Amino acid sequence: MTDNGVERTSRAAATRQLIIEAAERLFAEHGVTAVSNRQVSEAAGQGNNTAVGYHFGGKADLVRAIARNRHEQVEHLRQEMVEGVRGSTEVRDWVACLVLPTTRHLAASGSPTWYARFAAQAATEPAFAEVISVEAMNSPALNEIRDGLAACLPRLPRSVRQQRAEMARTLMVHTVADRERALADGTEPSAESWEAAAHGLIDALTGLWTAPVTPIDGEGR
């Protein structure tokens, strides 16, 4: 590649990152569907209002790029934790692997951050929630965590497991987003630190996963 080619590639990568960061903030604050590609381009400092379409195509591709950008930053933290608990039969160990990498990444990023609120906004739109879910399924560490949880709860019926996984995902996404929002707004969050918030969430999720199952007459579990 020529020097000019390297320079163009570098400029394109920098522009893509500016767009990703601007879109994450706008989507977090206003919702994914409420923000136009033109608004994202302007917020990213791009004179060409078609920059988002040029670099990413459709909005789903931009959402995917935001999720992938963050997953890449969090994945190595999660992989380190998974290696430390591999073989554990304690539900809490595996739940901690789900929660702590994200909260520690957000804590290290300073305030304000926008990713947790972006994820919560995207979760309200099925098409975009599916994009993020597919990205998560490509994470070897997350897949190992799911397997680790399943091994800890062999007697939990499949339907109950699926229901609790959905509840756990909702609780985690919105609890983290609520704290991020409070920090950004300058209001006092319920927990005094990201670490305290994370461990409170781990306690709650561990209780959710290990709660007894109430038999329902006439319904197979």
C-alpha atoms as a PDB file:
ATOM      1  CA  MET A   1       0.000   0.000   0.000  1.00  0.00           C
ATOM      2  CA  THR A   2       1.304   3.447  -0.909  1.00  0.00           C
ATOM      3  CA  ASP A   3       1.806   6.213   1.663  1.00  0.00           C
ATOM      4  CA  ASN A   4      -1.330   7.910   0.314  1.00  0.00           C
ATOM      5  CA  GLY A   5      -3.244   4.670   0.687  1.00  0.00           C
ATOM      6  CA  VAL A   6      -2.081   4.248   4.283  1.00  0.00           C
ATOM      7  CA  GLU A   7      -3.060   7.847   5.027  1.00  0.00           C
ATOM      8  CA  ARG A   8      -6.535   7.377   3.513  1.00  0.00           C
ATOM      9  CA  THR A   9      -7.041   4.164   5.499  1.00  0.00           C
ATOM     10  CA  SER A  10      -5.943   5.890   8.688  1.00  0.00           C
ATOM     11  CA  ARG A  11      -8.275   8.831   8.059  1.00  0.00           C
ATOM     12  CA  ALA A  12     -11.173   6.491   7.343  1.00  0.00           C
ATOM     13  CA  ALA A  13     -10.545   4.559  10.574  1.00  0.00           C
ATOM     14  CA  ALA A  14     -10.417   7.805  12.557  1.00  0.00           C
ATOM     15  CA  THR A  15     -13.652   9.002  10.960  1.00  0.00           C
ATOM     16  CA  ARG A  16     -15.377   5.705  11.739  1.00  0.00           C
ATOM     17  CA  GLN A  17     -14.323   5.989  15.389  1.00  0.00           C
ATOM     18  CA  LEU A  18     -15.626   9.563  15.625  1.00  0.00           C
ATOM     19  CA  ILE A  19     -18.956   8.428  14.190  1.00  0.00           C
ATOM     20  CA  ILE A  20     -19.147   5.457  16.583  1.00  0.00           C
ATOM     21  CA  GLU A  21     -18.519   7.697  19.600  1.00  0.00           C
ATOM     22  CA  ALA A  22     -21.002  10.351  18.473  1.00  0.00           C
ATOM     23  CA  ALA A  23     -23.677   7.773  17.702  1.00  0.00           C
ATOM     24  CA  GLU A  24     -23.223   6.004  21.039  1.00  0.00           C
ATOM     25  CA  ARG A  25     -23.783   9.304  22.875  1.00  0.00           C
ATOM     26  CA  LEU A  26     -26.786  10.401  20.808  1.00  0.00           C
ATOM     27  CA  PHE A  27     -28.430   6.977  20.889  1.00  0.00           C
ATOM     28  CA  ALA A  28     -27.882   6.824  24.665  1.00  0.00           C
ATOM     29  CA  GLU A  29     -29.463  10.221  25.235  1.00  0.00           C
ATOM     30  CA  HIS A  30     -32.319  10.148  22.712  1.00  0.00           C
ATOM     31  CA  GLY A  31     -32.916   6.548  21.590  1.00  0.00           C
ATOM     32  CA  VAL A  32     -31.730   4.753  18.483  1.00  0.00           C
ATOM     33  CA  THR A  33     -34.757   5.381  16.270  1.00  0.00           C
ATOM     34  CA  ALA A  34     -35.077   9.053  17.256  1.00  0.00           C
ATOM     35  CA  VAL A  35     -31.626   9.986  15.922  1.00  0.00           C
ATOM     36  CA  SER A  36     -30.991  10.415  12.200  1.00  0.00           C
ATOM     37  CA  ASN A  37     -27.803   9.579  10.335  1.00  0.00           C
ATOM     38  CA  ARG A  38     -27.537  13.289   9.526  1.00  0.00           C
ATOM     39  CA  GLN A  39     -27.514  14.175  13.239  1.00  0.00           C
ATOM     40  CA  VAL A  40     -24.813  11.578  13.890  1.00  0.00           C
ATOM     41  CA  SER A  41     -22.678  12.925  11.045  1.00  0.00           C
ATOM     42  CA  GLU A  42     -22.992  16.487  12.343  1.00  0.00           C
ATOM     43  CA  ALA A  43     -22.165  15.441  15.922  1.00  0.00           C
ATOM     44  CA  ALA A  44     -19.092  13.625  14.612  1.00  0.00           C
ATOM     45  CA  GLY A  45     -17.915  16.812  12.910  1.00  0.00           C
ATOM     46  CA  GLN A  46     -18.427  15.506   9.394  1.00  0.00           C
ATOM     47  CA  GLY A  47     -19.281  18.101   6.770  1.00  0.00           C
ATOM     48  CA  ASN A  48     -20.699  15.382   4.545  1.00  0.00           C
ATOM     49  CA  ASN A  49     -24.092  14.380   5.946  1.00  0.00           C
ATOM     50  CA  THR A  50     -23.907  11.038   4.166  1.00  0.00           C
ATOM     51  CA  ALA A  51     -20.787  10.006   6.143  1.00  0.00           C
ATOM     52  CA  VAL A  52     -22.688   7.483   8.292  1.00  0.00           C
ATOM     53  CA  GLY A  53     -24.140   5.751   5.263  1.00  0.00           C
ATOM     54  CA  TYR A  54     -20.786   5.767   3.495  1.00  0.00           C
ATOM     55  CA  HIS A  55     -18.864   4.220   6.410  1.00  0.00           C
ATOM     56  CA  PHE A  56     -21.526   1.954   7.916  1.00  0.00           C
ATOM     57  CA  GLY A  57     -24.463   1.472   5.593  1.00  0.00           C
ATOM     58  CA  GLY A  58     -27.688   1.170   7.585  1.00  0.00           C
ATOM     59  CA  LYS A  59     -28.384   2.037  11.212  1.00  0.00           C
ATOM     60  CA  ALA A  60     -28.264  -1.622  12.246  1.00  0.00           C
ATOM     61  CA  ASP A  61     -24.676  -1.754  10.988  1.00  0.00           C
ATOM     62  CA  LEU A  62     -23.819   1.316  13.071  1.00  0.00           C
ATOM     63  CA  VAL A  63     -25.412  -0.243  16.169  1.00  0.00           C
ATOM     64  CA  ARG A  64     -23.378  -3.385  15.502  1.00  0.00           C
ATOM     65  CA  ALA A  65     -20.177  -1.334  15.229  1.00  0.00           C
ATOM     66  CA  ILE A  66     -20.845   0.407  18.562  1.00  0.00           C
ATOM     67  CA  ALA A  67     -21.504  -2.917  20.287  1.00  0.00           C
ATOM     68  CA  ARG A  68     -18.438  -4.515  18.717  1.00  0.00           C
ATOM     69  CA  ASN A  69     -16.248  -1.571  19.717  1.00  0.00           C
ATOM     70  CA  ARG A  70     -17.219  -1.980  23.369  1.00  0.00           C
ATOM     71  CA  HIS A  71     -17.193  -5.782  23.347  1.00  0.00           C
ATOM     72  CA  GLU A  72     -13.605  -5.741  22.138  1.00  0.00           C
ATOM     73  CA  GLN A  73     -12.630  -3.493  25.051  1.00  0.00           C
ATOM     74  CA  VAL A  74     -14.452  -5.614  27.659  1.00  0.00           C
ATOM     75  CA  GLU A  75     -13.744  -9.082  26.297  1.00  0.00           C
ATOM     76  CA  HIS A  76     -10.191  -9.398  27.596  1.00  0.00           C
ATOM     77  CA  LEU A  77     -11.369  -8.509  31.110  1.00  0.00           C
ATOM     78  CA  ARG A  78     -14.111 -11.111  30.908  1.00  0.00           C
ATOM     79  CA  GLN A  79     -11.747 -13.760  29.551  1.00  0.00           C
ATOM     80  CA  GLU A  80      -9.353 -13.183  32.471  1.00  0.00           C
ATOM     81  CA  MET A  81     -12.191 -13.658  34.947  1.00  0.00           C
ATOM     82  CA  VAL A  82     -13.432 -16.796  33.217  1.00  0.00           C
ATOM     83  CA  GLU A  83      -9.966 -18.317  33.366  1.00  0.00           C
ATOM     84  CA  GLY A  84      -9.949 -17.646  37.110  1.00  0.00           C
ATOM     85  CA  VAL A  85     -13.238 -19.454  37.815  1.00  0.00           C
ATOM     86  CA  ARG A  86     -13.117 -22.205  35.211  1.00  0.00           C
ATOM     87  CA  GLY A  87     -14.476 -25.407  36.754  1.00  0.00           C
ATOM     88  CA  SER A  88     -16.311 -23.582  39.558  1.00  0.00           C
ATOM     89  CA  THR A  89     -19.691 -24.923  40.695  1.00  0.00           C
ATOM     90  CA  GLU A  90     -20.646 -21.618  42.386  1.00  0.00           C
ATOM     91  CA  VAL A  91     -23.340 -19.619  40.595  1.00  0.00           C
ATOM     92  CA  ARG A  92     -21.976 -16.373  42.029  1.00  0.00           C
ATOM     93  CA  ASP A  93     -18.590 -16.911  40.362  1.00  0.00           C
ATOM     94  CA  TRP A  94     -20.178 -17.101  36.915  1.00  0.00           C
ATOM     95  CA  VAL A  95     -22.546 -14.201  37.568  1.00  0.00           C
ATOM     96  CA  ALA A  96     -19.568 -12.074  38.609  1.00  0.00           C
ATOM     97  CA  CYS A  97     -17.983 -12.839  35.232  1.00  0.00           C
ATOM     98  CA  LEU A  98     -21.065 -11.356  33.567  1.00  0.00           C
ATOM     99  CA  VAL A  99     -21.214  -8.168  35.630  1.00  0.00           C
ATOM    100  CA  LEU A 100     -17.761  -7.064  36.728  1.00  0.00           C
ATOM    101  CA  PRO A 101     -15.988  -6.723  33.362  1.00  0.00           C
ATOM    102  CA  THR A 102     -18.555  -4.194  32.132  1.00  0.00           C
ATOM    103  CA  THR A 103     -18.796  -2.193  35.354  1.00  0.00           C
ATOM    104  CA  ARG A 104     -15.020  -2.090  35.748  1.00  0.00           C
ATOM    105  CA  HIS A 105     -14.626  -0.931  32.161  1.00  0.00           C
ATOM    106  CA  LEU A 106     -17.155   1.859  32.762  1.00  0.00           C
ATOM    107  CA  ALA A 107     -15.456   2.829  36.020  1.00  0.00           C
ATOM    108  CA  ALA A 108     -12.088   3.044  34.279  1.00  0.00           C
ATOM    109  CA  SER A 109     -13.591   5.167  31.481  1.00  0.00           C
ATOM    110  CA  GLY A 110     -14.495   8.032  33.807  1.00  0.00           C
ATOM    111  CA  SER A 111     -17.738   9.997  33.652  1.00  0.00           C
ATOM    112  CA  PRO A 112     -19.743  10.578  31.630  1.00  0.00           C
ATOM    113  CA  THR A 113     -20.005   7.328  29.737  1.00  0.00           C
ATOM    114  CA  TRP A 114     -22.796   6.369  27.374  1.00  0.00           C
ATOM    115  CA  TYR A 115     -22.513   2.679  26.558  1.00  0.00           C
ATOM    116  CA  ALA A 116     -24.828   1.335  29.293  1.00  0.00           C
ATOM    117  CA  ARG A 117     -27.579   3.769  28.305  1.00  0.00           C
ATOM    118  CA  PHE A 118     -27.021   2.989  24.639  1.00  0.00           C
ATOM    119  CA  ALA A 119     -27.467  -0.736  25.384  1.00  0.00           C
ATOM    120  CA  ALA A 120     -30.641  -0.024  27.370  1.00  0.00           C
ATOM    121  CA  GLN A 121     -32.065   2.086  24.535  1.00  0.00           C
ATOM    122  CA  ALA A 122     -31.203  -0.531  21.922  1.00  0.00           C
ATOM    123  CA  ALA A 123     -32.834  -3.225  24.075  1.00  0.00           C
ATOM    124  CA  THR A 124     -36.211  -1.510  23.627  1.00  0.00           C
ATOM    125  CA  GLU A 125     -36.088  -2.051  19.853  1.00  0.00           C
ATOM    126  CA  PRO A 126     -36.267  -5.763  18.889  1.00  0.00           C
ATOM    127  CA  ALA A 127     -34.270  -5.387  15.675  1.00  0.00           C
ATOM    128  CA  PHE A 128     -31.399  -3.578  17.373  1.00  0.00           C
ATOM    129  CA  ALA A 129     -31.563  -5.794  20.463  1.00  0.00           C
ATOM    130  CA  GLU A 130     -31.074  -8.758  18.155  1.00  0.00           C
ATOM    131  CA  VAL A 131     -28.007  -7.121  16.603  1.00  0.00           C
ATOM    132  CA  ILE A 132     -26.403  -6.735  20.034  1.00  0.00           C
ATOM    133  CA  SER A 133     -27.421 -10.264  21.030  1.00  0.00           C
ATOM    134  CA  VAL A 134     -25.766 -11.716  17.938  1.00  0.00           C
ATOM    135  CA  GLU A 135     -22.565  -9.818  18.720  1.00  0.00           C
ATOM    136  CA  ALA A 136     -22.599 -11.197  22.267  1.00  0.00           C
ATOM    137  CA  MET A 137     -23.010 -14.748  20.944  1.00  0.00           C
ATOM    138  CA  ASN A 138     -19.678 -14.327  19.153  1.00  0.00           C
ATOM    139  CA  SER A 139     -17.927 -13.926  22.516  1.00  0.00           C
ATOM    140  CA  PRO A 140     -16.141 -17.139  23.587  1.00  0.00           C
ATOM    141  CA  ALA A 141     -16.065 -15.898  27.195  1.00  0.00           C
ATOM    142  CA  LEU A 142     -19.814 -15.223  27.307  1.00  0.00           C
ATOM    143  CA  ASN A 143     -20.525 -18.633  25.827  1.00  0.00           C
ATOM    144  CA  GLU A 144     -18.359 -20.245  28.503  1.00  0.00           C
ATOM    145  CA  ILE A 145     -20.179 -18.284  31.206  1.00  0.00           C
ATOM    146  CA  ARG A 146     -23.539 -19.542  29.935  1.00  0.00           C
ATOM    147  CA  ASP A 147     -22.228 -23.110  30.000  1.00  0.00           C
ATOM    148  CA  GLY A 148     -20.785 -22.588  33.481  1.00  0.00           C
ATOM    149  CA  LEU A 149     -24.109 -21.335  34.816  1.00  0.00           C
ATOM    150  CA  ALA A 150     -25.960 -24.246  33.245  1.00  0.00           C
ATOM    151  CA  ALA A 151     -23.566 -26.722  34.861  1.00  0.00           C
ATOM    152  CA  CYS A 152     -24.224 -25.144  38.272  1.00  0.00           C
ATOM    153  CA  LEU A 153     -27.998 -25.488  37.869  1.00  0.00           C
ATOM    154  CA  PRO A 154     -28.558 -28.940  36.340  1.00  0.00           C
ATOM    155  CA  ARG A 155     -32.035 -29.357  37.872  1.00  0.00           C
ATOM    156  CA  LEU A 156     -33.386 -26.031  36.654  1.00  0.00           C
ATOM    157  CA  PRO A 157     -35.993 -26.748  33.939  1.00  0.00           C
ATOM    158  CA  ARG A 158     -35.192 -25.372  30.520  1.00  0.00           C
ATOM    159  CA  SER A 159     -38.222 -23.043  30.398  1.00  0.00           C
ATOM    160  CA  VAL A 160     -37.325 -21.603  33.800  1.00  0.00           C
ATOM    161  CA  ARG A 161     -33.706 -21.192  32.714  1.00  0.00           C
ATOM    162  CA  GLN A 162     -34.779 -19.224  29.648  1.00  0.00           C
ATOM    163  CA  GLN A 163     -37.133 -17.035  31.673  1.00  0.00           C
ATOM    164  CA  ARG A 164     -34.493 -16.268  34.289  1.00  0.00           C
ATOM    165  CA  ALA A 165     -31.896 -15.520  31.629  1.00  0.00           C
ATOM    166  CA  GLU A 166     -34.253 -12.901  30.178  1.00  0.00           C
ATOM    167  CA  MET A 167     -34.929 -11.407  33.620  1.00  0.00           C
ATOM    168  CA  ALA A 168     -31.220 -11.381  34.457  1.00  0.00           C
ATOM    169  CA  ARG A 169     -30.365  -9.618  31.195  1.00  0.00           C
ATOM    170  CA  THR A 170     -33.045  -6.963  31.766  1.00  0.00           C
ATOM    171  CA  LEU A 171     -31.988  -6.361  35.377  1.00  0.00           C
ATOM    172  CA  MET A 172     -28.329  -6.078  34.465  1.00  0.00           C
ATOM    173  CA  VAL A 173     -28.806  -3.778  31.456  1.00  0.00           C
ATOM    174  CA  HIS A 174     -31.111  -1.335  33.211  1.00  0.00           C
ATOM    175  CA  THR A 175     -29.386  -1.311  36.605  1.00  0.00           C
ATOM    176  CA  VAL A 176     -26.068  -0.406  34.999  1.00  0.00           C
ATOM    177  CA  ALA A 177     -27.767   2.148  32.723  1.00  0.00           C
ATOM    178  CA  ASP A 178     -29.531   3.779  35.684  1.00  0.00           C
ATOM    179  CA  ARG A 179     -26.240   4.292  37.522  1.00  0.00           C
ATOM    180  CA  GLU A 180     -24.550   5.654  34.396  1.00  0.00           C
ATOM    181  CA  ARG A 181     -27.453   8.075  33.912  1.00  0.00           C
ATOM    182  CA  ALA A 182     -27.303   9.270  37.519  1.00  0.00           C
ATOM    183  CA  LEU A 183     -23.575   9.949  37.230  1.00  0.00           C
ATOM    184  CA  ALA A 184     -24.048  11.838  33.964  1.00  0.00           C
ATOM    185  CA  ASP A 185     -26.906  13.918  35.429  1.00  0.00           C
ATOM    186  CA  GLY A 186     -24.971  14.723  38.593  1.00  0.00           C
ATOM    187  CA  THR A 187     -27.544  13.050  40.830  1.00  0.00           C
ATOM    188  CA  GLU A 188     -26.595  10.681  43.635  1.00  0.00           C
ATOM    189  CA  PRO A 189     -26.734   7.027  42.542  1.00  0.00           C
ATOM    190  CA  SER A 190     -27.982   4.355  44.921  1.00  0.00           C
ATOM    191  CA  ALA A 191     -24.523   2.758  45.237  1.00  0.00           C
ATOM    192  CA  GLU A 192     -21.471   4.780  46.187  1.00  0.00           C
ATOM    193  CA  SER A 193     -19.164   3.222  43.581  1.00  0.00           C
ATOM    194  CA  TRP A 194     -19.236   1.071  40.463  1.00  0.00           C
ATOM    195  CA  GLU A 195     -17.737  -1.778  42.485  1.00  0.00           C
ATOM    196  CA  ALA A 196     -20.473  -1.526  45.129  1.00  0.00           C
ATOM    197  CA  ALA A 197     -23.139  -1.359  42.435  1.00  0.00           C
ATOM    198  CA  ALA A 198     -21.659  -4.398  40.732  1.00  0.00           C
ATOM    199  CA  HIS A 199     -21.606  -6.531  43.864  1.00  0.00           C
ATOM    200  CA  GLY A 200     -25.165  -5.546  44.738  1.00  0.00           C
ATOM    201  CA  LEU A 201     -26.194  -6.612  41.251  1.00  0.00           C
ATOM    202  CA  ILE A 202     -24.250  -9.874  41.565  1.00  0.00           C
ATOM    203  CA  ASP A 203     -26.056 -10.603  44.850  1.00  0.00           C
ATOM    204  CA  ALA A 204     -29.452  -9.988  43.241  1.00  0.00           C
ATOM    205  CA  LEU A 205     -28.704 -12.045  40.124  1.00  0.00           C
ATOM    206  CA  THR A 206     -27.327 -14.928  42.176  1.00  0.00           C
ATOM    207  CA  GLY A 207     -30.547 -14.913  44.178  1.00  0.00           C
ATOM    208  CA  LEU A 208     -32.590 -14.850  40.972  1.00  0.00           C
ATOM    209  CA  TRP A 209     -30.780 -17.830  39.494  1.00  0.00           C
ATOM    210  CA  THR A 210     -30.900 -19.929  42.667  1.00  0.00           C
ATOM    211  CA  ALA A 211     -34.485 -19.100  43.744  1.00  0.00           C
ATOM    212  CA  PRO A 212     -36.837 -22.081  44.180  1.00  0.00           C
ATOM    213  CA  VAL A 213     -39.210 -22.936  41.365  1.00  0.00           C
ATOM    214  CA  THR A 214     -42.916 -22.823  42.187  1.00  0.00           C
ATOM    215  CA  PRO A 215     -44.788 -25.696  40.511  1.00  0.00           C
ATOM    216  CA  ILE A 216     -47.796 -24.528  38.490  1.00  0.00           C
ATOM    217  CA  ASP A 217     -50.714 -26.950  38.259  1.00  0.00           C
ATOM    218  CA  GLY A 218     -51.388 -28.059  34.724  1.00  0.00           C
ATOM    219  CA  GLU A 219     -48.201 -26.580  33.309  1.00  0.00           C
ATOM    220  CA  GLY A 220     -45.216 -28.629  32.304  1.00  0.00           C
ATOM    221  CA  ARG A 221     -41.857 -27.223  33.184  1.00  0.00           C
END
